Amino acid sequence: MRTEAGPKQLRMVGKGWQIRAALRSLARHPLTLEEWLKRQQRGRMIPTNRGRNPYF
């Protein structure tokens, strides 16, 4: 699964079950989507691929 975050968007690419699992984990997080995106922009952790395939 691939996750890309922009200043005002979050894009997830993968199988349906992978996206649902990622959304569930984000829903348990105390930050709102806006706060999470701001922190991602500060940390420049975009895109994230969870260490699976460095070419995606």
N, C-alpha and C. Protein backbone atom coordinates (compact mmCIF):
# COMPACT_ATOMS: atom_id res chain seq x y z
N MET A 1 0.83 -1.18 0.00
CA MET A 1 0.00 0.00 0.00
C MET A 1 0.88 1.24 0.00
N ARG A 2 0.41 2.26 -0.68
CA ARG A 2 1.16 3.51 -0.77
C ARG A 2 0.30 4.64 -0.22
N THR A 3 0.91 5.50 0.58
CA THR A 3 0.23 6.65 1.15
C THR A 3 0.99 7.90 0.75
N GLU A 4 0.29 8.85 0.17
CA GLU A 4 0.88 10.12 -0.21
C GLU A 4 0.10 11.22 0.48
N ALA A 5 0.82 12.16 1.09
CA ALA A 5 0.16 13.26 1.78
C ALA A 5 0.61 14.57 1.18
N GLY A 6 -0.34 15.44 0.93
CA GLY A 6 -0.07 16.79 0.45
C GLY A 6 -0.49 17.78 1.51
N PRO A 7 -0.41 19.07 1.20
CA PRO A 7 -0.78 20.07 2.21
C PRO A 7 -2.25 20.00 2.61
N LYS A 8 -3.12 19.53 1.71
CA LYS A 8 -4.55 19.47 2.04
C LYS A 8 -5.20 18.17 1.62
N GLN A 9 -4.40 17.12 1.42
CA GLN A 9 -5.01 15.87 0.98
C GLN A 9 -4.20 14.67 1.46
N LEU A 10 -4.87 13.56 1.52
CA LEU A 10 -4.25 12.28 1.84
C LEU A 10 -4.72 11.30 0.79
N ARG A 11 -3.79 10.66 0.10
CA ARG A 11 -4.13 9.70 -0.95
C ARG A 11 -3.57 8.34 -0.55
N MET A 12 -4.43 7.34 -0.55
CA MET A 12 -4.03 5.98 -0.24
C MET A 12 -4.28 5.12 -1.47
N VAL A 13 -3.27 4.34 -1.84
CA VAL A 13 -3.37 3.46 -3.00
C VAL A 13 -3.04 2.06 -2.54
N GLY A 14 -3.95 1.13 -2.79
CA GLY A 14 -3.72 -0.25 -2.41
C GLY A 14 -4.99 -1.05 -2.53
N LYS A 15 -4.95 -2.24 -1.99
CA LYS A 15 -6.14 -3.09 -1.97
C LYS A 15 -7.15 -2.51 -0.98
N GLY A 16 -8.41 -2.84 -1.18
CA GLY A 16 -9.46 -2.32 -0.32
C GLY A 16 -9.25 -2.64 1.14
N TRP A 17 -8.83 -3.87 1.44
CA TRP A 17 -8.64 -4.25 2.85
C TRP A 17 -7.46 -3.50 3.46
N GLN A 18 -6.45 -3.16 2.65
CA GLN A 18 -5.31 -2.40 3.15
C GLN A 18 -5.71 -0.97 3.50
N ILE A 19 -6.54 -0.38 2.65
CA ILE A 19 -6.98 0.99 2.88
C ILE A 19 -7.89 1.04 4.10
N ARG A 20 -8.81 0.08 4.22
CA ARG A 20 -9.68 0.04 5.39
C ARG A 20 -8.88 -0.10 6.68
N ALA A 21 -7.86 -0.95 6.68
CA ALA A 21 -7.02 -1.13 7.87
C ALA A 21 -6.27 0.16 8.20
N ALA A 22 -5.76 0.84 7.19
CA ALA A 22 -5.05 2.10 7.43
C ALA A 22 -5.99 3.16 7.97
N LEU A 23 -7.21 3.23 7.43
CA LEU A 23 -8.19 4.20 7.93
C LEU A 23 -8.60 3.90 9.36
N ARG A 24 -8.71 2.62 9.69
CA ARG A 24 -9.03 2.26 11.08
C ARG A 24 -7.93 2.71 12.03
N SER A 25 -6.67 2.52 11.63
CA SER A 25 -5.57 2.93 12.50
C SER A 25 -5.51 4.45 12.62
N LEU A 26 -5.82 5.17 11.55
CA LEU A 26 -5.86 6.63 11.63
C LEU A 26 -7.03 7.10 12.50
N ALA A 27 -8.14 6.39 12.47
CA ALA A 27 -9.30 6.77 13.27
C ALA A 27 -9.02 6.63 14.77
N ARG A 28 -8.16 5.69 15.13
CA ARG A 28 -7.80 5.51 16.55
C ARG A 28 -6.81 6.55 17.04
N HIS A 29 -6.17 7.27 16.13
CA HIS A 29 -5.17 8.26 16.48
C HIS A 29 -5.86 9.51 17.03
N PRO A 30 -5.29 10.15 18.05
CA PRO A 30 -5.96 11.31 18.64
C PRO A 30 -5.92 12.57 17.78
N LEU A 31 -5.05 12.64 16.78
CA LEU A 31 -4.96 13.83 15.93
C LEU A 31 -6.06 13.85 14.87
N THR A 32 -6.48 15.06 14.51
CA THR A 32 -7.41 15.18 13.38
C THR A 32 -6.60 15.05 12.09
N LEU A 33 -7.30 14.87 10.98
CA LEU A 33 -6.62 14.75 9.69
C LEU A 33 -5.82 16.02 9.38
N GLU A 34 -6.38 17.17 9.67
CA GLU A 34 -5.69 18.43 9.41
C GLU A 34 -4.39 18.52 10.21
N GLU A 35 -4.43 18.17 11.50
CA GLU A 35 -3.22 18.20 12.33
C GLU A 35 -2.19 17.19 11.83
N TRP A 36 -2.66 16.01 11.45
CA TRP A 36 -1.75 14.97 10.96
C TRP A 36 -1.04 15.42 9.69
N LEU A 37 -1.79 16.04 8.75
CA LEU A 37 -1.20 16.52 7.50
C LEU A 37 -0.17 17.62 7.76
N LYS A 38 -0.46 18.52 8.71
CA LYS A 38 0.50 19.57 9.04
C LYS A 38 1.79 18.98 9.60
N ARG A 39 1.68 17.98 10.45
CA ARG A 39 2.88 17.34 11.01
C ARG A 39 3.66 16.61 9.93
N GLN A 40 2.97 15.98 8.99
CA GLN A 40 3.64 15.29 7.90
C GLN A 40 4.40 16.29 7.04
N GLN A 41 3.82 17.47 6.80
CA GLN A 41 4.48 18.49 6.00
C GLN A 41 5.73 19.00 6.70
N ARG A 42 5.66 19.17 8.02
CA ARG A 42 6.83 19.63 8.77
C ARG A 42 7.94 18.61 8.75
N GLY A 43 7.57 17.32 8.83
CA GLY A 43 8.57 16.27 8.88
C GLY A 43 9.05 15.82 7.53
N ARG A 44 8.39 16.26 6.46
CA ARG A 44 8.73 15.85 5.09
C ARG A 44 8.81 14.34 4.94
N MET A 45 7.81 13.66 5.48
CA MET A 45 7.76 12.21 5.39
C MET A 45 6.82 11.81 4.25
N ILE A 46 6.96 12.42 3.10
CA ILE A 46 6.02 12.22 2.00
C ILE A 46 6.77 11.73 0.78
N PRO A 47 6.41 10.74 0.04
CA PRO A 47 5.39 9.76 0.38
C PRO A 47 5.94 8.70 1.33
N THR A 48 5.07 8.03 2.01
CA THR A 48 5.48 6.95 2.89
C THR A 48 5.07 5.64 2.25
N ASN A 49 5.93 4.65 2.32
CA ASN A 49 5.57 3.35 1.77
C ASN A 49 5.84 2.24 2.78
N ARG A 50 6.03 2.61 4.03
CA ARG A 50 6.20 1.65 5.12
C ARG A 50 7.34 0.66 4.88
N GLY A 51 8.36 1.06 4.14
CA GLY A 51 9.54 0.25 3.96
C GLY A 51 9.37 -0.98 3.08
N ARG A 52 8.28 -1.06 2.37
CA ARG A 52 8.03 -2.26 1.56
C ARG A 52 8.84 -2.24 0.28
N ASN A 53 8.55 -1.32 -0.61
CA ASN A 53 9.22 -1.26 -1.89
C ASN A 53 9.71 0.18 -2.08
N PRO A 54 11.02 0.40 -2.10
CA PRO A 54 11.52 1.77 -2.18
C PRO A 54 11.26 2.45 -3.52
N TYR A 55 10.78 1.72 -4.52
CA TYR A 55 10.56 2.30 -5.84
C TYR A 55 9.14 2.79 -6.05
N PHE A 56 8.29 2.69 -5.04
CA PHE A 56 6.91 3.18 -5.16
C PHE A 56 6.74 4.43 -4.36
